[in-house]
Amino acid sequence: MKKILTGTMLATMLFTGLYAGGDIEAVDSDETEITESSPFYVVVKGMMIFGDTVNHEEAVLDGDQDYGFGIDLGYRLGNGFAVEYDFSYSGNSVTEKKVGEEPVNVNAKYYTSALDLVYTYELTEELGVFGKVGYEYEWEKISALDIDSTDHDFVFGAGFEAAMDEDFKFVAEYEHSLIEGPRGDSLFAGIMYTF
């Protein structure tokens, strides 16, 4: 089922890219000259993970809130659509709880990578809101518990972007992943640069 959904999502992105059409254009302040803006952008961002509680074999893993960073590489397809490749790294403290044993605190690391389809609706020339859906891979490493695993599932996000000038925007985003783990959901804030 996941292969069918992934194939459908990739086909939709290709179809959108082929038929969205049009270049992104900006009009300068005197409205006499039209210049083309690049469809490529990068977002560098800090992140906060909220942590989550999950069952793992015969134990419960309780992840704490912590921090990390991420980067998005994007290409605007036109008509508000874009495709992004995302990467992030974060870590947190995880408490392992087993029945009849003392809780054990350990450190966890998470590496995530996703391919997303993004739609941005421009509220004004300076402010836009966006939603995204993608497919994410997560590598989870908790050395003290001999956990070194990968998982994958869908990820959903929503946020806003505010223009600072022609090339830079401030971006904030909330992201929810269907992958169950002690990492939990994420909150991002960063800077977008169009090049």
N, C-alpha and C. Protein backbone atom coordinates (compact mmCIF):
# COMPACT_ATOMS: atom_id res chain seq x y z
N MET A 1 0.83 -1.20 0.00
CA MET A 1 0.00 0.00 0.00
C MET A 1 0.87 1.26 0.00
N LYS A 2 1.96 1.24 0.80
CA LYS A 2 2.84 2.41 0.86
C LYS A 2 3.51 2.66 -0.49
N LYS A 3 3.85 1.55 -1.22
CA LYS A 3 4.47 1.71 -2.53
C LYS A 3 3.50 2.37 -3.51
N ILE A 4 2.22 1.99 -3.43
CA ILE A 4 1.21 2.57 -4.31
C ILE A 4 1.04 4.05 -4.01
N LEU A 5 0.96 4.41 -2.71
CA LEU A 5 0.80 5.81 -2.32
C LEU A 5 2.03 6.63 -2.71
N THR A 6 3.22 6.07 -2.53
CA THR A 6 4.44 6.78 -2.92
C THR A 6 4.48 7.01 -4.43
N GLY A 7 4.12 5.98 -5.19
CA GLY A 7 4.08 6.12 -6.65
C GLY A 7 3.07 7.15 -7.10
N THR A 8 1.90 7.16 -6.45
CA THR A 8 0.87 8.15 -6.79
C THR A 8 1.36 9.55 -6.49
N MET A 9 2.03 9.74 -5.35
CA MET A 9 2.53 11.06 -4.99
C MET A 9 3.58 11.54 -5.98
N LEU A 10 4.51 10.67 -6.38
CA LEU A 10 5.53 11.05 -7.34
C LEU A 10 4.93 11.36 -8.70
N ALA A 11 3.93 10.58 -9.13
CA ALA A 11 3.25 10.84 -10.40
C ALA A 11 2.54 12.19 -10.37
N THR A 12 1.93 12.52 -9.23
CA THR A 12 1.25 13.80 -9.08
C THR A 12 2.24 14.95 -9.18
N MET A 13 3.42 14.78 -8.56
CA MET A 13 4.43 15.84 -8.63
C MET A 13 4.91 16.03 -10.07
N LEU A 14 5.12 14.92 -10.79
CA LEU A 14 5.55 15.04 -12.18
C LEU A 14 4.48 15.70 -13.04
N PHE A 15 3.22 15.27 -12.86
CA PHE A 15 2.12 15.84 -13.61
C PHE A 15 1.99 17.34 -13.33
N THR A 16 2.10 17.71 -12.06
CA THR A 16 2.01 19.12 -11.69
C THR A 16 3.14 19.91 -12.33
N GLY A 17 4.34 19.34 -12.33
CA GLY A 17 5.49 20.02 -12.93
C GLY A 17 5.33 20.21 -14.43
N LEU A 18 4.74 19.24 -15.09
CA LEU A 18 4.57 19.34 -16.53
C LEU A 18 3.48 20.32 -16.93
N TYR A 19 2.42 20.38 -16.16
CA TYR A 19 1.27 21.18 -16.56
C TYR A 19 1.02 22.43 -15.74
N ALA A 20 1.83 22.67 -14.68
CA ALA A 20 1.64 23.89 -13.89
C ALA A 20 2.00 25.10 -14.71
N GLY A 21 3.09 25.01 -15.45
CA GLY A 21 3.49 26.03 -16.40
C GLY A 21 3.82 27.36 -15.77
N GLY A 22 4.36 28.24 -16.58
CA GLY A 22 4.62 29.61 -16.16
C GLY A 22 5.87 29.76 -15.32
N ASP A 23 6.53 30.88 -15.52
CA ASP A 23 7.67 31.24 -14.71
C ASP A 23 7.23 32.19 -13.61
N ILE A 24 8.01 32.26 -12.57
CA ILE A 24 7.74 33.19 -11.50
C ILE A 24 8.31 34.53 -11.90
N GLU A 25 7.48 35.53 -11.90
CA GLU A 25 7.92 36.86 -12.31
C GLU A 25 7.60 37.88 -11.23
N ALA A 26 8.46 38.89 -11.14
CA ALA A 26 8.23 39.95 -10.16
C ALA A 26 8.26 41.28 -10.89
N VAL A 27 7.42 42.21 -10.47
CA VAL A 27 7.38 43.54 -11.06
C VAL A 27 8.10 44.48 -10.12
N ASP A 28 9.04 45.29 -10.66
CA ASP A 28 9.75 46.20 -9.77
C ASP A 28 8.86 47.37 -9.39
N SER A 29 9.36 48.24 -8.53
CA SER A 29 8.53 49.27 -7.91
C SER A 29 7.93 50.26 -8.90
N ASP A 30 8.60 50.52 -10.03
CA ASP A 30 8.00 51.47 -10.97
C ASP A 30 7.11 50.78 -12.01
N GLU A 31 6.96 49.46 -11.91
CA GLU A 31 6.08 48.65 -12.74
C GLU A 31 6.36 48.78 -14.23
N THR A 32 7.60 49.08 -14.61
CA THR A 32 7.93 49.19 -16.02
C THR A 32 8.80 48.04 -16.50
N GLU A 33 9.45 47.34 -15.57
CA GLU A 33 10.36 46.28 -15.98
C GLU A 33 9.97 44.99 -15.26
N ILE A 34 9.88 43.90 -15.99
CA ILE A 34 9.56 42.61 -15.41
C ILE A 34 10.83 41.77 -15.36
N THR A 35 11.15 41.24 -14.18
CA THR A 35 12.33 40.40 -14.04
C THR A 35 11.89 39.03 -13.57
N GLU A 36 12.61 38.02 -14.04
CA GLU A 36 12.29 36.66 -13.64
C GLU A 36 13.03 36.30 -12.36
N SER A 37 12.32 35.63 -11.47
CA SER A 37 12.92 35.16 -10.23
C SER A 37 13.27 33.69 -10.40
N SER A 38 14.33 33.25 -9.78
CA SER A 38 14.75 31.86 -9.87
C SER A 38 13.74 30.95 -9.18
N PRO A 39 13.49 29.76 -9.73
CA PRO A 39 12.57 28.83 -9.07
C PRO A 39 13.25 28.04 -7.94
N PHE A 40 14.57 28.16 -7.79
CA PHE A 40 15.30 27.39 -6.78
C PHE A 40 15.41 28.17 -5.47
N TYR A 41 15.29 27.45 -4.34
CA TYR A 41 15.46 28.09 -3.05
C TYR A 41 16.02 27.09 -2.04
N VAL A 42 16.58 27.64 -0.97
CA VAL A 42 17.09 26.84 0.13
C VAL A 42 16.59 27.46 1.43
N VAL A 43 16.26 26.61 2.40
CA VAL A 43 15.82 27.06 3.71
C VAL A 43 16.76 26.44 4.75
N VAL A 44 17.39 27.28 5.55
CA VAL A 44 18.21 26.82 6.67
C VAL A 44 17.42 27.13 7.93
N LYS A 45 17.25 26.12 8.80
CA LYS A 45 16.32 26.31 9.91
C LYS A 45 16.77 25.58 11.18
N GLY A 46 16.40 26.16 12.29
CA GLY A 46 16.55 25.50 13.58
C GLY A 46 15.25 24.78 13.88
N MET A 47 15.33 23.77 14.74
CA MET A 47 14.12 23.01 15.05
C MET A 47 14.03 22.66 16.52
N MET A 48 12.79 22.48 16.96
CA MET A 48 12.52 21.97 18.30
C MET A 48 11.69 20.72 18.12
N ILE A 49 12.11 19.61 18.72
CA ILE A 49 11.30 18.40 18.70
C ILE A 49 10.59 18.29 20.04
N PHE A 50 9.36 17.80 20.00
CA PHE A 50 8.53 17.76 21.19
C PHE A 50 8.68 16.49 22.01
N GLY A 51 9.26 15.44 21.42
CA GLY A 51 9.37 14.16 22.12
C GLY A 51 8.02 13.45 22.13
N ASP A 52 8.06 12.15 22.34
CA ASP A 52 6.84 11.35 22.36
C ASP A 52 7.09 10.11 23.21
N THR A 53 6.01 9.46 23.61
CA THR A 53 6.09 8.22 24.38
C THR A 53 5.61 7.07 23.50
N VAL A 54 6.44 6.04 23.36
CA VAL A 54 6.11 4.91 22.50
C VAL A 54 6.47 3.60 23.19
N ASN A 55 5.80 2.53 22.78
CA ASN A 55 6.13 1.19 23.26
C ASN A 55 7.20 0.60 22.35
N HIS A 56 8.24 0.03 22.97
CA HIS A 56 9.32 -0.60 22.21
C HIS A 56 9.65 -1.92 22.88
N GLU A 57 9.31 -3.02 22.22
CA GLU A 57 9.50 -4.37 22.74
C GLU A 57 8.85 -4.46 24.12
N GLU A 58 9.63 -4.71 25.19
CA GLU A 58 9.06 -4.86 26.53
C GLU A 58 9.22 -3.60 27.37
N ALA A 59 9.45 -2.47 26.72
CA ALA A 59 9.70 -1.22 27.45
C ALA A 59 8.88 -0.09 26.86
N VAL A 60 8.79 0.99 27.62
CA VAL A 60 8.19 2.23 27.15
C VAL A 60 9.32 3.25 27.03
N LEU A 61 9.41 3.90 25.87
CA LEU A 61 10.42 4.93 25.65
C LEU A 61 9.73 6.28 25.69
N ASP A 62 10.24 7.15 26.57
CA ASP A 62 9.66 8.47 26.76
C ASP A 62 10.69 9.52 26.36
N GLY A 63 10.48 10.16 25.18
CA GLY A 63 11.43 11.14 24.67
C GLY A 63 11.15 12.54 25.19
N ASP A 64 12.21 13.27 25.51
CA ASP A 64 12.09 14.65 25.98
C ASP A 64 12.07 15.63 24.82
N GLN A 65 11.68 16.86 25.13
CA GLN A 65 11.78 17.97 24.18
C GLN A 65 13.25 18.34 24.02
N ASP A 66 13.66 18.64 22.76
CA ASP A 66 15.05 19.04 22.53
C ASP A 66 15.14 19.78 21.21
N TYR A 67 16.36 19.94 20.69
CA TYR A 67 16.58 20.82 19.54
C TYR A 67 17.42 20.14 18.47
N GLY A 68 17.45 20.76 17.29
CA GLY A 68 18.23 20.27 16.17
C GLY A 68 18.27 21.32 15.08
N PHE A 69 18.58 20.90 13.86
CA PHE A 69 18.62 21.82 12.72
C PHE A 69 18.19 21.08 11.46
N GLY A 70 17.88 21.84 10.43
CA GLY A 70 17.47 21.23 9.17
C GLY A 70 17.78 22.12 7.99
N ILE A 71 17.64 21.54 6.80
CA ILE A 71 17.82 22.27 5.55
C ILE A 71 16.83 21.73 4.52
N ASP A 72 16.22 22.63 3.76
CA ASP A 72 15.31 22.26 2.68
C ASP A 72 15.88 22.80 1.38
N LEU A 73 15.83 21.99 0.33
CA LEU A 73 16.19 22.43 -1.01
C LEU A 73 14.92 22.33 -1.84
N GLY A 74 14.51 23.47 -2.44
CA GLY A 74 13.22 23.49 -3.12
C GLY A 74 13.29 23.98 -4.55
N TYR A 75 12.27 23.59 -5.32
CA TYR A 75 12.10 24.04 -6.70
C TYR A 75 10.63 24.39 -6.90
N ARG A 76 10.37 25.64 -7.29
CA ARG A 76 8.99 26.09 -7.52
C ARG A 76 8.52 25.62 -8.89
N LEU A 77 7.39 24.90 -8.90
CA LEU A 77 6.83 24.38 -10.14
C LEU A 77 5.93 25.39 -10.84
N GLY A 78 5.39 26.34 -10.09
CA GLY A 78 4.46 27.34 -10.62
C GLY A 78 3.09 27.18 -9.99
N ASN A 79 2.28 28.23 -10.08
CA ASN A 79 0.91 28.24 -9.53
C ASN A 79 0.86 27.87 -8.05
N GLY A 80 1.88 28.25 -7.30
CA GLY A 80 1.90 28.02 -5.85
C GLY A 80 2.51 26.70 -5.43
N PHE A 81 2.80 25.80 -6.36
CA PHE A 81 3.33 24.48 -6.02
C PHE A 81 4.85 24.47 -6.05
N ALA A 82 5.43 23.65 -5.20
CA ALA A 82 6.88 23.44 -5.17
C ALA A 82 7.15 22.01 -4.72
N VAL A 83 8.33 21.54 -5.04
CA VAL A 83 8.78 20.24 -4.54
C VAL A 83 10.04 20.51 -3.71
N GLU A 84 10.16 19.82 -2.56
CA GLU A 84 11.28 20.04 -1.65
C GLU A 84 11.93 18.72 -1.25
N TYR A 85 13.23 18.78 -1.06
CA TYR A 85 13.96 17.71 -0.39
C TYR A 85 14.38 18.27 0.96
N ASP A 86 14.05 17.58 2.05
CA ASP A 86 14.34 18.04 3.41
C ASP A 86 15.30 17.07 4.10
N PHE A 87 16.19 17.64 4.91
CA PHE A 87 17.06 16.86 5.78
C PHE A 87 17.08 17.52 7.14
N SER A 88 17.05 16.72 8.22
CA SER A 88 17.17 17.30 9.55
C SER A 88 17.94 16.36 10.48
N TYR A 89 18.54 16.95 11.49
CA TYR A 89 19.23 16.20 12.54
C TYR A 89 18.75 16.74 13.88
N SER A 90 18.46 15.83 14.79
CA SER A 90 18.09 16.24 16.15
C SER A 90 18.48 15.12 17.11
N GLY A 91 18.46 15.44 18.38
CA GLY A 91 18.75 14.46 19.42
C GLY A 91 17.98 14.83 20.67
N ASN A 92 17.74 13.86 21.52
CA ASN A 92 17.07 14.14 22.78
C ASN A 92 17.42 13.08 23.82
N SER A 93 16.96 13.31 25.01
CA SER A 93 17.13 12.35 26.10
C SER A 93 15.89 11.47 26.14
N VAL A 94 16.11 10.16 26.23
CA VAL A 94 15.01 9.19 26.24
C VAL A 94 15.09 8.39 27.53
N THR A 95 13.94 8.24 28.18
CA THR A 95 13.85 7.43 29.39
C THR A 95 13.23 6.09 29.04
N GLU A 96 13.97 5.01 29.31
CA GLU A 96 13.44 3.66 29.08
C GLU A 96 12.83 3.16 30.39
N LYS A 97 11.56 2.76 30.32
CA LYS A 97 10.86 2.28 31.51
C LYS A 97 10.40 0.84 31.28
N LYS A 98 10.89 -0.07 32.16
CA LYS A 98 10.48 -1.47 32.12
C LYS A 98 9.80 -1.81 33.44
N VAL A 99 8.82 -2.68 33.37
CA VAL A 99 8.08 -3.09 34.57
C VAL A 99 9.05 -3.75 35.55
N GLY A 100 9.04 -3.27 36.80
CA GLY A 100 9.86 -3.86 37.85
C GLY A 100 11.31 -3.42 37.84
N GLU A 101 11.68 -2.46 36.95
CA GLU A 101 13.07 -1.99 36.90
C GLU A 101 13.10 -0.48 37.02
N GLU A 102 14.26 0.02 37.45
CA GLU A 102 14.45 1.47 37.53
C GLU A 102 14.52 2.07 36.13
N PRO A 103 13.93 3.26 35.92
CA PRO A 103 14.04 3.92 34.60
C PRO A 103 15.50 4.23 34.25
N VAL A 104 15.82 4.14 32.97
CA VAL A 104 17.17 4.39 32.48
C VAL A 104 17.11 5.56 31.50
N ASN A 105 17.95 6.58 31.72
CA ASN A 105 18.03 7.73 30.81
C ASN A 105 19.17 7.53 29.82
N VAL A 106 18.87 7.69 28.53
CA VAL A 106 19.87 7.52 27.47
C VAL A 106 19.72 8.65 26.46
N ASN A 107 20.71 8.81 25.59
CA ASN A 107 20.66 9.82 24.53
C ASN A 107 20.31 9.18 23.20
N ALA A 108 19.48 9.88 22.42
CA ALA A 108 19.05 9.40 21.11
C ALA A 108 19.42 10.42 20.05
N LYS A 109 19.67 9.93 18.82
CA LYS A 109 19.94 10.79 17.68
C LYS A 109 18.99 10.40 16.55
N TYR A 110 18.53 11.41 15.79
CA TYR A 110 17.60 11.17 14.70
C TYR A 110 18.07 11.92 13.46
N TYR A 111 18.10 11.22 12.34
CA TYR A 111 18.37 11.82 11.04
C TYR A 111 17.14 11.56 10.18
N THR A 112 16.57 12.61 9.59
CA THR A 112 15.40 12.43 8.74
C THR A 112 15.65 13.01 7.36
N SER A 113 15.01 12.41 6.39
CA SER A 113 15.12 12.85 5.01
C SER A 113 13.75 12.66 4.37
N ALA A 114 13.27 13.68 3.63
CA ALA A 114 11.92 13.59 3.07
C ALA A 114 11.85 14.27 1.71
N LEU A 115 10.92 13.81 0.90
CA LEU A 115 10.57 14.45 -0.36
C LEU A 115 9.14 14.94 -0.22
N ASP A 116 8.92 16.26 -0.39
CA ASP A 116 7.62 16.87 -0.11
C ASP A 116 7.05 17.59 -1.32
N LEU A 117 5.73 17.63 -1.39
CA LEU A 117 5.01 18.50 -2.31
C LEU A 117 4.43 19.63 -1.47
N VAL A 118 4.70 20.88 -1.85
CA VAL A 118 4.31 22.05 -1.06
C VAL A 118 3.38 22.92 -1.88
N TYR A 119 2.33 23.45 -1.23
CA TYR A 119 1.47 24.44 -1.87
C TYR A 119 1.47 25.70 -1.00
N THR A 120 1.79 26.85 -1.60
CA THR A 120 1.82 28.13 -0.88
C THR A 120 0.73 29.04 -1.42
N TYR A 121 -0.06 29.59 -0.52
CA TYR A 121 -1.09 30.57 -0.88
C TYR A 121 -0.62 31.94 -0.41
N GLU A 122 -0.46 32.87 -1.35
CA GLU A 122 0.01 34.22 -1.02
C GLU A 122 -1.14 35.07 -0.50
N LEU A 123 -1.11 35.40 0.78
CA LEU A 123 -2.13 36.27 1.37
C LEU A 123 -1.93 37.71 0.93
N THR A 124 -0.66 38.15 0.92
CA THR A 124 -0.27 39.47 0.43
C THR A 124 1.04 39.28 -0.32
N GLU A 125 1.62 40.38 -0.83
CA GLU A 125 2.91 40.27 -1.50
C GLU A 125 4.03 39.86 -0.54
N GLU A 126 3.86 40.14 0.75
CA GLU A 126 4.89 39.83 1.73
C GLU A 126 4.61 38.60 2.57
N LEU A 127 3.38 38.09 2.60
CA LEU A 127 3.01 37.01 3.52
C LEU A 127 2.28 35.89 2.80
N GLY A 128 2.75 34.65 3.02
CA GLY A 128 2.11 33.48 2.46
C GLY A 128 1.97 32.39 3.49
N VAL A 129 0.97 31.53 3.32
CA VAL A 129 0.79 30.36 4.17
C VAL A 129 0.95 29.13 3.28
N PHE A 130 1.46 28.05 3.87
CA PHE A 130 1.69 26.86 3.06
C PHE A 130 1.34 25.59 3.81
N GLY A 131 1.09 24.56 3.04
CA GLY A 131 0.88 23.21 3.55
C GLY A 131 1.76 22.28 2.74
N LYS A 132 2.19 21.19 3.36
CA LYS A 132 3.02 20.23 2.64
C LYS A 132 2.68 18.82 3.05
N VAL A 133 2.90 17.91 2.13
CA VAL A 133 2.76 16.48 2.40
C VAL A 133 3.96 15.81 1.74
N GLY A 134 4.53 14.83 2.43
CA GLY A 134 5.70 14.17 1.89
C GLY A 134 5.87 12.77 2.43
N TYR A 135 6.94 12.14 1.98
CA TYR A 135 7.28 10.81 2.46
C TYR A 135 8.66 10.90 3.09
N GLU A 136 8.77 10.42 4.32
CA GLU A 136 9.96 10.65 5.14
C GLU A 136 10.62 9.34 5.55
N TYR A 137 11.95 9.35 5.57
CA TYR A 137 12.75 8.27 6.13
C TYR A 137 13.43 8.80 7.39
N GLU A 138 13.41 7.98 8.45
CA GLU A 138 14.04 8.39 9.71
C GLU A 138 15.01 7.31 10.16
N TRP A 139 16.25 7.73 10.49
CA TRP A 139 17.25 6.85 11.08
C TRP A 139 17.34 7.21 12.55
N GLU A 140 17.08 6.23 13.41
CA GLU A 140 17.07 6.44 14.86
C GLU A 140 18.21 5.64 15.47
N LYS A 141 19.02 6.31 16.30
CA LYS A 141 20.15 5.62 16.93
C LYS A 141 20.15 5.92 18.43
N ILE A 142 19.97 4.86 19.23
CA ILE A 142 20.05 4.94 20.69
C ILE A 142 21.06 3.87 21.10
N SER A 143 22.33 4.25 21.12
CA SER A 143 23.42 3.28 21.32
C SER A 143 23.30 2.51 22.62
N ALA A 144 22.95 3.19 23.71
CA ALA A 144 22.90 2.53 25.02
C ALA A 144 21.85 1.43 25.08
N LEU A 145 20.85 1.47 24.19
CA LEU A 145 19.79 0.46 24.17
C LEU A 145 19.93 -0.47 22.97
N ASP A 146 21.03 -0.36 22.24
CA ASP A 146 21.26 -1.15 21.03
C ASP A 146 20.14 -0.98 20.00
N ILE A 147 19.65 0.24 19.89
CA ILE A 147 18.65 0.56 18.87
C ILE A 147 19.33 1.34 17.76
N ASP A 148 19.31 0.78 16.57
CA ASP A 148 19.85 1.42 15.38
C ASP A 148 18.91 1.02 14.25
N SER A 149 17.85 1.81 14.07
CA SER A 149 16.79 1.39 13.17
C SER A 149 16.41 2.48 12.18
N THR A 150 15.71 2.08 11.13
CA THR A 150 15.16 3.01 10.15
C THR A 150 13.66 2.75 10.05
N ASP A 151 12.95 3.80 9.72
CA ASP A 151 11.50 3.69 9.51
C ASP A 151 11.11 4.72 8.48
N HIS A 152 9.95 4.58 7.88
CA HIS A 152 9.49 5.53 6.88
C HIS A 152 7.97 5.58 6.88
N ASP A 153 7.45 6.77 6.59
CA ASP A 153 6.01 6.98 6.52
C ASP A 153 5.75 8.40 6.03
N PHE A 154 4.48 8.78 5.99
CA PHE A 154 4.11 10.11 5.52
C PHE A 154 4.36 11.17 6.59
N VAL A 155 4.62 12.40 6.11
CA VAL A 155 4.83 13.55 6.99
C VAL A 155 3.97 14.70 6.45
N PHE A 156 3.41 15.49 7.35
CA PHE A 156 2.54 16.61 7.00
C PHE A 156 3.05 17.87 7.69
N GLY A 157 2.94 19.00 7.02
CA GLY A 157 3.40 20.24 7.61
C GLY A 157 2.53 21.41 7.22
N ALA A 158 2.58 22.47 8.01
CA ALA A 158 1.88 23.72 7.73
C ALA A 158 2.69 24.85 8.34
N GLY A 159 2.64 26.01 7.69
CA GLY A 159 3.40 27.13 8.21
C GLY A 159 3.15 28.40 7.44
N PHE A 160 4.04 29.38 7.66
CA PHE A 160 3.92 30.64 6.94
C PHE A 160 5.31 31.13 6.56
N GLU A 161 5.34 32.02 5.56
CA GLU A 161 6.58 32.66 5.15
C GLU A 161 6.33 34.15 5.02
N ALA A 162 7.28 34.97 5.48
CA ALA A 162 7.17 36.42 5.46
C ALA A 162 8.40 36.99 4.77
N ALA A 163 8.17 37.77 3.70
CA ALA A 163 9.28 38.34 2.93
C ALA A 163 10.03 39.38 3.74
N MET A 164 11.37 39.30 3.69
CA MET A 164 12.22 40.29 4.33
C MET A 164 12.77 41.25 3.28
N ASP A 165 13.03 40.75 2.08
CA ASP A 165 13.38 41.54 0.91
C ASP A 165 13.13 40.66 -0.31
N GLU A 166 13.69 40.99 -1.47
CA GLU A 166 13.41 40.24 -2.69
C GLU A 166 13.94 38.81 -2.64
N ASP A 167 15.02 38.56 -1.91
CA ASP A 167 15.66 37.25 -1.92
C ASP A 167 15.46 36.43 -0.64
N PHE A 168 15.14 37.08 0.48
CA PHE A 168 15.07 36.40 1.77
C PHE A 168 13.66 36.43 2.35
N LYS A 169 13.28 35.29 2.97
CA LYS A 169 12.00 35.20 3.69
C LYS A 169 12.25 34.53 5.03
N PHE A 170 11.46 34.92 6.03
CA PHE A 170 11.43 34.21 7.30
C PHE A 170 10.38 33.12 7.18
N VAL A 171 10.70 31.90 7.63
CA VAL A 171 9.80 30.76 7.50
C VAL A 171 9.61 30.10 8.85
N ALA A 172 8.36 29.78 9.20
CA ALA A 172 8.06 29.00 10.41
C ALA A 172 7.11 27.87 10.01
N GLU A 173 7.32 26.69 10.61
CA GLU A 173 6.57 25.51 10.16
C GLU A 173 6.39 24.51 11.31
N TYR A 174 5.21 23.90 11.36
CA TYR A 174 4.94 22.79 12.28
C TYR A 174 4.85 21.52 11.44
N GLU A 175 5.48 20.44 11.89
CA GLU A 175 5.51 19.21 11.11
C GLU A 175 5.09 18.02 11.97
N HIS A 176 4.22 17.18 11.40
CA HIS A 176 3.75 15.96 12.08
C HIS A 176 4.11 14.76 11.21
N SER A 177 4.80 13.79 11.80
CA SER A 177 5.19 12.57 11.09
C SER A 177 4.36 11.40 11.60
N LEU A 178 4.01 10.49 10.68
CA LEU A 178 3.30 9.27 11.08
C LEU A 178 4.25 8.20 11.61
N ILE A 179 5.55 8.47 11.59
CA ILE A 179 6.52 7.54 12.17
C ILE A 179 6.41 7.61 13.69
N GLU A 180 6.22 6.45 14.32
CA GLU A 180 6.12 6.41 15.78
C GLU A 180 7.50 6.24 16.38
N GLY A 181 7.86 7.17 17.25
CA GLY A 181 9.16 7.11 17.90
C GLY A 181 9.26 8.17 18.96
N PRO A 182 10.32 8.14 19.76
CA PRO A 182 10.48 9.11 20.84
C PRO A 182 10.85 10.51 20.38
N ARG A 183 11.00 10.72 19.07
CA ARG A 183 11.32 12.05 18.54
C ARG A 183 10.11 12.97 18.60
N GLY A 184 8.96 12.50 18.15
CA GLY A 184 7.73 13.30 18.17
C GLY A 184 7.67 14.31 17.05
N ASP A 185 6.74 15.23 17.15
CA ASP A 185 6.53 16.27 16.15
C ASP A 185 7.60 17.35 16.26
N SER A 186 7.65 18.24 15.23
CA SER A 186 8.71 19.24 15.15
C SER A 186 8.16 20.62 14.88
N LEU A 187 8.87 21.63 15.37
CA LEU A 187 8.58 23.02 15.07
C LEU A 187 9.86 23.62 14.51
N PHE A 188 9.77 24.26 13.31
CA PHE A 188 10.94 24.81 12.64
C PHE A 188 10.81 26.32 12.51
N ALA A 189 11.94 27.02 12.50
CA ALA A 189 12.01 28.44 12.17
C ALA A 189 13.33 28.68 11.47
N GLY A 190 13.28 29.42 10.35
CA GLY A 190 14.50 29.63 9.61
C GLY A 190 14.38 30.71 8.54
N ILE A 191 15.39 30.75 7.68
CA ILE A 191 15.49 31.75 6.61
C ILE A 191 15.50 31.05 5.26
N MET A 192 14.65 31.52 4.35
CA MET A 192 14.62 31.04 2.97
C MET A 192 15.39 32.00 2.09
N TYR A 193 16.24 31.46 1.23
CA TYR A 193 16.98 32.27 0.27
C TYR A 193 16.69 31.76 -1.14
N THR A 194 16.22 32.65 -2.03
CA THR A 194 15.98 32.30 -3.41
C THR A 194 17.21 32.66 -4.22
N PHE A 195 17.73 31.69 -4.98
CA PHE A 195 18.96 31.94 -5.72
C PHE A 195 18.81 31.64 -7.19
